[in-house]
Amino acid sequence: MRIRLISWYLLLLFMIVAGLKPDPARAADAGQGIYVINAVTANNNILSSIKSNSNIDGIVLQVAWNAIEPSENVFNWSSIDAVLKSAASAKKHVSLIVMPGYETPTWVYSDGAQQLQFVWDIASWGPKLCSVQTIPVPWDPVFLAKWQNLIGALGARYSSNPTIASVKVTGVSSKTGETLLPTDVNQALSSGSISCKSYNDLADWQNVGYTRLKVESAWNDIMQMFAQAFPDTRLEAMMVPGGFPAIDDNGNIFPGHLNQDMEAATDIIATGASEYPSQFALQNDGWSATWTWAVEDGYAGQIMTGVQENHPQGTQAAQAIQTALAAGMSYLELYPTDAAASATQAELAVAHQSLQ
């Protein structure tokens, strides 16, 4: 009788422990569905319209590296913790983005990380148009060591948190969480009374030793960091057509479309899909009512694929949802206005049901 009681106790203990362990299937299922970007208020609560919408599965949370690690190894997790608490209370999931790029802490450069400067070329958001911004060189060993330390700390704190459905793979970044580097060449920029020219980004990349092989290797190293820190969490790479300077494996500039190299992005996607087939997800942020990326469409059904609106679609939001579903996407990221619009709800309900 005593042996039987011990056996039942051990079985119960195993079930309890198993219930606390991260479940890859949970993360995969949670990563599917409808997510909303820019859905967090200034006091780290989720918008009420999103909380109450049963067709919304979660939100996308972006935090800046310089906000969560203002000094080396001094972490401020308060904003992430608050959003996760708000999401959990509403039974929503979170897709987490930690943003390096121009939001890399200055102490990283003080410690010796190689940097590249570029001129901000967007007037509608972000830093002031024509301001000079700094990003780390992606393959620099100092940057990679500091970034790995941050990702490791992030994983130690959040990898088993059931509210987190996915984490974006960032590091080869500049303006957003997308895998995207500056590629302007003396581009004229203007808005209102502000005008300037960009730097020659291709020449600047050449000067710091850029090659396609170096940046692809850096991305591979960073992907491995995320996989080690979040072994049971969906890892989503936000990729774009091009996005890399038109510089080849030997460091030579070539005549790429809009100064961009199309090969590096497809190489990285192929690596992620082949080496991390059950964990890697591909996302593009240019989705509209009439467009999804053909390269990504080709991976639908092989790996998890998702899209984010390039801007609020308004009256075209329902059509955009149909377009994404027809392309085989596993998750959709909408702006709050489209997610809350009454005209969108019927299509949201269809998408929510089909993506479960």
Protein backbone atom coordinates (compact mmCIF):
# COMPACT_ATOMS: atom_id res chain seq x y z
CA MET A 1 0.00 0.00 0.00
CA ARG A 2 2.82 2.39 0.85
CA ILE A 3 4.49 1.74 -2.52
CA ARG A 4 1.21 2.46 -4.29
CA LEU A 5 0.80 5.75 -2.40
CA ILE A 6 4.35 6.77 -3.25
CA SER A 7 3.72 5.96 -6.92
CA TRP A 8 0.58 8.08 -6.96
CA TYR A 9 2.47 10.89 -5.23
CA LEU A 10 5.26 10.75 -7.79
CA LEU A 11 2.75 10.74 -10.65
CA LEU A 12 0.97 13.78 -9.18
CA LEU A 13 4.28 15.56 -8.67
CA PHE A 14 5.26 14.83 -12.27
CA MET A 15 1.97 16.20 -13.57
CA ILE A 16 2.36 19.40 -11.53
CA VAL A 17 5.92 19.95 -12.68
CA ALA A 18 4.99 19.16 -16.29
CA GLY A 19 2.23 21.71 -16.09
CA LEU A 20 4.74 24.40 -15.15
CA LYS A 21 7.19 23.63 -17.91
CA PRO A 22 7.05 25.57 -21.18
CA ASP A 23 5.06 23.64 -23.75
CA PRO A 24 6.23 24.05 -27.38
CA ALA A 25 2.75 23.19 -28.62
CA ARG A 26 1.28 25.92 -26.39
CA ALA A 27 3.66 28.49 -27.82
CA ALA A 28 2.96 27.41 -31.39
CA ASP A 29 -0.80 27.58 -30.97
CA ALA A 30 -0.65 30.85 -29.04
CA GLY A 31 1.43 32.45 -31.78
CA GLN A 32 -1.38 31.97 -34.28
CA GLY A 33 -4.33 34.28 -34.62
CA ILE A 34 -5.03 38.01 -34.56
CA TYR A 35 -2.63 40.43 -32.86
CA VAL A 36 -2.76 44.20 -32.52
CA ILE A 37 0.20 46.59 -32.65
CA ASN A 38 0.41 49.93 -30.82
CA ALA A 39 -2.27 48.65 -28.43
CA VAL A 40 -0.59 49.62 -25.14
CA THR A 41 -1.44 52.81 -23.27
CA ALA A 42 1.07 55.15 -21.64
CA ASN A 43 0.50 53.43 -18.28
CA ASN A 44 1.21 49.97 -19.74
CA ASN A 45 -2.38 48.76 -19.99
CA ILE A 46 -3.90 47.16 -23.07
CA LEU A 47 -6.51 49.27 -24.85
CA SER A 48 -9.97 48.44 -23.54
CA SER A 49 -11.30 47.92 -27.07
CA ILE A 50 -8.71 45.18 -27.54
CA LYS A 51 -9.20 43.60 -24.14
CA SER A 52 -12.92 43.13 -24.68
CA ASN A 53 -12.71 41.79 -28.24
CA SER A 54 -12.91 38.00 -28.20
CA ASN A 55 -11.63 37.82 -31.78
CA ILE A 56 -8.28 39.35 -30.75
CA ASP A 57 -5.74 36.81 -29.52
CA GLY A 58 -3.03 39.18 -28.34
CA ILE A 59 -0.95 42.30 -28.76
CA VAL A 60 2.53 43.18 -30.00
CA LEU A 61 4.73 44.87 -27.40
CA GLN A 62 7.86 46.75 -28.50
CA VAL A 63 10.38 47.94 -25.91
CA ALA A 64 13.67 49.74 -26.45
CA TRP A 65 16.95 48.19 -25.35
CA ASN A 66 18.06 51.50 -23.83
CA ALA A 67 14.88 51.54 -21.71
CA ILE A 68 15.20 48.07 -20.21
CA GLU A 69 19.00 48.11 -19.75
CA PRO A 70 19.90 51.79 -19.19
CA SER A 71 23.20 50.73 -17.60
CA GLU A 72 25.05 47.49 -18.24
CA ASN A 73 23.48 44.62 -16.27
CA VAL A 74 21.01 47.00 -14.63
CA PHE A 75 17.62 45.90 -15.91
CA ASN A 76 14.26 47.62 -15.71
CA TRP A 77 11.57 45.07 -16.45
CA SER A 78 8.69 47.13 -15.05
CA SER A 79 7.02 48.06 -18.35
CA ILE A 80 7.15 44.50 -19.71
CA ASP A 81 5.87 43.08 -16.42
CA ALA A 82 2.98 45.56 -16.34
CA VAL A 83 1.89 44.79 -19.91
CA LEU A 84 2.12 41.05 -19.33
CA LYS A 85 -0.04 41.43 -16.23
CA SER A 86 -2.61 43.45 -18.19
CA ALA A 87 -2.58 40.89 -21.01
CA ALA A 88 -2.91 37.91 -18.69
CA SER A 89 -5.90 39.48 -16.94
CA ALA A 90 -7.59 39.86 -20.33
CA LYS A 91 -6.56 36.37 -21.44
CA LYS A 92 -4.50 37.80 -24.30
CA HIS A 93 -1.06 36.78 -25.46
CA VAL A 94 1.94 38.99 -26.16
CA SER A 95 4.41 39.00 -29.04
CA LEU A 96 7.53 40.69 -27.67
CA ILE A 97 9.98 42.91 -29.56
CA VAL A 98 13.15 44.25 -27.97
CA MET A 99 14.55 46.97 -30.20
CA PRO A 100 18.30 47.60 -30.60
CA GLY A 101 19.19 49.61 -33.74
CA TYR A 102 18.99 53.33 -33.03
CA GLU A 103 17.66 52.50 -29.53
CA THR A 104 20.87 50.75 -28.50
CA PRO A 105 22.20 52.14 -25.18
CA THR A 106 25.14 54.54 -25.46
CA TRP A 107 27.17 52.48 -22.98
CA VAL A 108 27.45 49.75 -25.64
CA TYR A 109 29.49 52.14 -27.77
CA SER A 110 31.42 53.43 -24.76
CA ASP A 111 32.50 49.84 -24.18
CA GLY A 112 33.94 49.71 -27.69
CA ALA A 113 31.21 48.48 -30.03
CA GLN A 114 31.75 49.57 -33.62
CA GLN A 115 29.04 51.91 -34.87
CA LEU A 116 27.56 53.27 -38.07
CA GLN A 117 25.73 56.58 -38.40
CA PHE A 118 22.93 57.35 -40.83
CA VAL A 119 20.48 60.16 -41.50
CA TRP A 120 16.89 59.55 -40.38
CA ASP A 121 14.75 59.61 -43.51
CA ILE A 122 11.19 59.27 -42.16
CA ALA A 123 9.07 62.33 -41.44
CA SER A 124 5.94 60.65 -40.06
CA TRP A 125 7.36 58.96 -36.94
CA GLY A 126 10.52 58.31 -34.97
CA PRO A 127 13.36 60.79 -34.47
CA LYS A 128 13.38 64.13 -36.24
CA LEU A 129 13.79 64.00 -40.00
CA CYS A 130 17.43 64.63 -41.00
CA SER A 131 18.73 63.85 -37.51
CA VAL A 132 21.82 61.66 -37.33
CA GLN A 133 21.24 58.29 -35.67
CA THR A 134 23.68 55.61 -34.56
CA ILE A 135 23.39 51.81 -34.80
CA PRO A 136 25.82 49.04 -33.89
CA VAL A 137 27.62 47.16 -36.65
CA PRO A 138 25.81 43.78 -36.55
CA TRP A 139 28.88 41.53 -36.60
CA ASP A 140 30.90 43.54 -34.08
CA PRO A 141 31.97 41.20 -31.24
CA VAL A 142 31.40 43.77 -28.49
CA PHE A 143 27.84 44.41 -29.66
CA LEU A 144 27.13 40.68 -30.04
CA ALA A 145 28.38 39.96 -26.52
CA LYS A 146 26.26 42.74 -25.00
CA TRP A 147 23.22 41.71 -27.04
CA GLN A 148 23.61 38.07 -26.04
CA ASN A 149 23.74 39.10 -22.39
CA LEU A 150 20.50 41.05 -22.76
CA ILE A 151 18.72 38.25 -24.64
CA GLY A 152 19.91 35.73 -22.05
CA ALA A 153 18.55 37.87 -19.21
CA LEU A 154 15.29 38.33 -21.10
CA GLY A 155 14.94 34.60 -21.57
CA ALA A 156 15.78 33.84 -17.95
CA ARG A 157 12.94 36.09 -16.86
CA TYR A 158 10.29 35.40 -19.48
CA SER A 159 10.93 32.19 -21.44
CA SER A 160 8.48 30.18 -19.31
CA ASN A 161 5.86 32.93 -19.07
CA PRO A 162 2.70 31.50 -20.67
CA THR A 163 1.46 34.96 -21.71
CA ILE A 164 4.34 35.37 -24.17
CA ALA A 165 3.37 33.66 -27.41
CA SER A 166 6.35 34.73 -29.50
CA VAL A 167 9.50 36.83 -29.55
CA LYS A 168 10.73 38.78 -32.57
CA VAL A 169 14.31 38.09 -33.69
CA THR A 170 16.03 41.47 -33.62
CA GLY A 171 19.67 42.54 -33.77
CA VAL A 172 20.35 43.18 -37.45
CA SER A 173 18.17 46.25 -37.05
CA SER A 174 18.16 49.99 -37.55
CA LYS A 175 14.84 51.90 -37.51
CA THR A 176 12.38 49.18 -36.48
CA GLY A 177 12.41 45.59 -35.29
CA GLU A 178 12.61 44.48 -38.91
CA THR A 179 15.79 42.94 -40.28
CA LEU A 180 16.63 46.10 -42.15
CA LEU A 181 19.75 48.27 -42.56
CA PRO A 182 20.25 51.80 -43.98
CA THR A 183 20.75 51.83 -47.76
CA ASP A 184 20.30 55.47 -48.83
CA VAL A 185 22.85 57.09 -51.14
CA ASN A 186 22.85 60.90 -50.97
CA GLN A 187 19.06 60.85 -50.97
CA ALA A 188 17.30 64.24 -50.90
CA LEU A 189 15.02 64.45 -47.86
CA SER A 190 12.50 67.14 -47.03
CA SER A 191 9.36 67.83 -45.03
CA GLY A 192 8.04 71.32 -44.41
CA SER A 193 10.97 73.57 -43.61
CA ILE A 194 13.34 70.67 -43.01
CA SER A 195 15.55 69.43 -45.83
CA CYS A 196 18.86 67.61 -46.13
CA LYS A 197 20.65 64.79 -47.91
CA SER A 198 21.28 61.35 -46.53
CA TYR A 199 24.75 59.96 -46.16
CA ASN A 200 26.13 57.50 -48.69
CA ASP A 201 25.17 54.47 -46.65
CA LEU A 202 26.71 51.98 -49.07
CA ALA A 203 30.11 53.67 -48.88
CA ASP A 204 29.82 53.87 -45.10
CA TRP A 205 29.05 50.16 -44.90
CA GLN A 206 32.07 49.45 -47.08
CA ASN A 207 34.23 51.51 -44.72
CA VAL A 208 33.26 49.35 -41.72
CA GLY A 209 33.99 46.14 -43.64
CA TYR A 210 30.52 45.03 -44.64
CA THR A 211 30.07 41.85 -46.66
CA ARG A 212 26.96 39.79 -47.23
CA LEU A 213 28.66 36.83 -45.56
CA LYS A 214 29.43 38.86 -42.42
CA VAL A 215 25.88 40.09 -41.96
CA GLU A 216 24.38 36.66 -42.63
CA SER A 217 26.76 35.13 -40.08
CA ALA A 218 25.78 37.81 -37.56
CA TRP A 219 22.10 37.01 -38.05
CA ASN A 220 22.81 33.29 -37.58
CA ASP A 221 24.63 34.03 -34.32
CA ILE A 222 21.75 36.18 -33.11
CA MET A 223 19.14 33.59 -34.04
CA GLN A 224 21.07 31.04 -32.01
CA MET A 225 21.08 33.43 -29.02
CA PHE A 226 17.30 33.71 -29.16
CA ALA A 227 16.85 29.96 -29.60
CA GLN A 228 18.99 29.27 -26.53
CA ALA A 229 17.24 31.90 -24.42
CA PHE A 230 13.72 30.94 -25.58
CA PRO A 231 13.94 27.23 -26.46
CA ASP A 232 10.17 26.64 -26.40
CA THR A 233 8.95 29.96 -27.80
CA ARG A 234 8.05 30.88 -31.35
CA LEU A 235 10.76 33.12 -32.84
CA GLU A 236 9.55 35.48 -35.55
CA ALA A 237 11.90 37.18 -38.02
CA MET A 238 10.45 40.34 -39.57
CA MET A 239 11.96 40.35 -43.07
CA VAL A 240 11.48 42.61 -46.09
CA PRO A 241 12.27 42.36 -49.80
CA GLY A 242 15.83 43.66 -49.88
CA GLY A 243 16.65 45.51 -46.69
CA PHE A 244 20.42 45.08 -47.02
CA PRO A 245 23.01 47.28 -48.75
CA ALA A 246 23.90 46.22 -52.29
CA ILE A 247 27.31 44.85 -51.31
CA ASP A 248 28.37 41.34 -52.23
CA ASP A 249 30.25 38.54 -50.45
CA ASN A 250 33.56 40.25 -51.21
CA GLY A 251 32.55 43.72 -50.04
CA ASN A 252 31.98 45.15 -53.51
CA ILE A 253 29.07 47.46 -54.30
CA PHE A 254 26.82 46.25 -57.11
CA PRO A 255 23.84 47.91 -58.87
CA GLY A 256 21.03 46.60 -56.67
CA HIS A 257 17.45 47.76 -56.90
CA LEU A 258 17.14 50.92 -54.74
CA ASN A 259 20.70 50.25 -53.53
CA GLN A 260 19.52 47.03 -51.92
CA ASP A 261 20.66 43.42 -51.95
CA MET A 262 17.79 40.96 -52.42
CA GLU A 263 19.85 37.82 -51.77
CA ALA A 264 20.79 38.29 -48.11
CA ALA A 265 17.16 38.27 -46.94
CA THR A 266 16.30 35.10 -48.84
CA ASP A 267 19.47 33.41 -47.57
CA ILE A 268 18.53 34.24 -43.98
CA ILE A 269 14.98 32.99 -44.43
CA ALA A 270 16.20 29.72 -45.91
CA THR A 271 18.59 29.23 -42.98
CA GLY A 272 15.91 29.89 -40.39
CA ALA A 273 13.43 27.56 -42.07
CA SER A 274 15.92 24.71 -42.44
CA GLU A 275 17.73 24.94 -39.09
CA TYR A 276 14.78 25.88 -36.86
CA PRO A 277 11.76 24.44 -38.73
CA SER A 278 9.48 24.08 -35.69
CA GLN A 279 10.44 27.38 -34.04
CA PHE A 280 11.28 29.88 -36.78
CA ALA A 281 8.46 32.03 -38.16
CA LEU A 282 8.64 34.43 -41.10
CA GLN A 283 6.87 37.79 -40.98
CA ASN A 284 6.57 40.68 -43.41
CA ASP A 285 5.25 44.10 -42.39
CA GLY A 286 4.13 45.35 -45.80
CA TRP A 287 0.76 43.58 -45.90
CA SER A 288 -2.15 45.43 -47.46
CA ALA A 289 -5.53 44.69 -49.00
CA THR A 290 -3.85 43.87 -52.31
CA TRP A 291 -0.36 42.63 -51.40
CA THR A 292 1.55 39.95 -49.54
CA TRP A 293 5.17 39.10 -50.22
CA ALA A 294 5.51 36.29 -52.77
CA VAL A 295 8.67 34.96 -51.08
CA GLU A 296 6.80 34.58 -47.80
CA ASP A 297 3.77 33.09 -49.53
CA GLY A 298 6.05 30.33 -50.78
CA TYR A 299 6.88 29.31 -47.20
CA ALA A 300 3.25 29.18 -46.01
CA GLY A 301 2.47 25.64 -44.96
CA GLN A 302 6.14 24.80 -44.42
CA ILE A 303 6.76 27.10 -41.46
CA MET A 304 4.64 29.58 -39.55
CA THR A 305 4.13 32.79 -41.52
CA GLY A 306 2.57 36.10 -40.50
CA VAL A 307 1.98 39.63 -41.70
CA GLN A 308 1.67 43.12 -40.26
CA GLU A 309 -0.27 45.93 -41.93
CA ASN A 310 1.95 48.46 -43.67
CA HIS A 311 -0.48 51.11 -42.39
CA PRO A 312 -4.11 51.11 -41.21
CA GLN A 313 -6.25 49.84 -44.07
CA GLY A 314 -9.49 51.55 -43.03
CA THR A 315 -12.32 50.52 -45.33
CA GLN A 316 -10.01 47.98 -46.97
CA ALA A 317 -9.23 46.14 -43.71
CA ALA A 318 -11.73 43.34 -44.29
CA GLN A 319 -10.31 42.76 -47.78
CA ALA A 320 -6.79 42.78 -46.32
CA ILE A 321 -7.74 40.00 -43.91
CA GLN A 322 -9.12 37.94 -46.79
CA THR A 323 -5.90 38.51 -48.74
CA ALA A 324 -3.75 37.31 -45.85
CA LEU A 325 -5.83 34.20 -45.24
CA ALA A 326 -5.76 33.35 -48.95
CA ALA A 327 -1.97 33.55 -48.82
CA GLY A 328 -1.90 30.98 -46.01
CA MET A 329 -0.76 33.25 -43.18
CA SER A 330 -0.80 31.86 -39.64
CA TYR A 331 -1.08 35.17 -37.79
CA LEU A 332 -2.07 38.74 -38.60
CA GLU A 333 -0.97 41.97 -36.91
CA LEU A 334 -3.38 44.90 -37.29
CA TYR A 335 -3.47 48.50 -36.12
CA PRO A 336 -5.97 49.29 -33.33
CA THR A 337 -8.33 51.29 -35.54
CA ASP A 338 -8.74 48.38 -37.96
CA ALA A 339 -9.03 45.84 -35.15
CA ALA A 340 -11.76 47.86 -33.43
CA ALA A 341 -13.74 48.98 -36.51
CA SER A 342 -17.27 47.60 -36.61
CA ALA A 343 -16.96 46.91 -40.35
CA THR A 344 -14.02 44.60 -39.68
CA GLN A 345 -15.52 42.41 -36.97
CA ALA A 346 -17.20 39.82 -39.19
CA GLU A 347 -13.97 39.19 -41.09
CA LEU A 348 -11.98 39.19 -37.84
CA ALA A 349 -14.28 36.50 -36.47
CA VAL A 350 -13.72 34.36 -39.56
CA ALA A 351 -9.96 34.80 -39.32
CA HIS A 352 -9.89 34.15 -35.59
CA GLN A 353 -11.78 30.89 -36.06
CA SER A 354 -9.73 29.69 -39.02
CA LEU A 355 -6.39 30.43 -37.36
CA GLN A 356 -7.05 28.43 -34.19
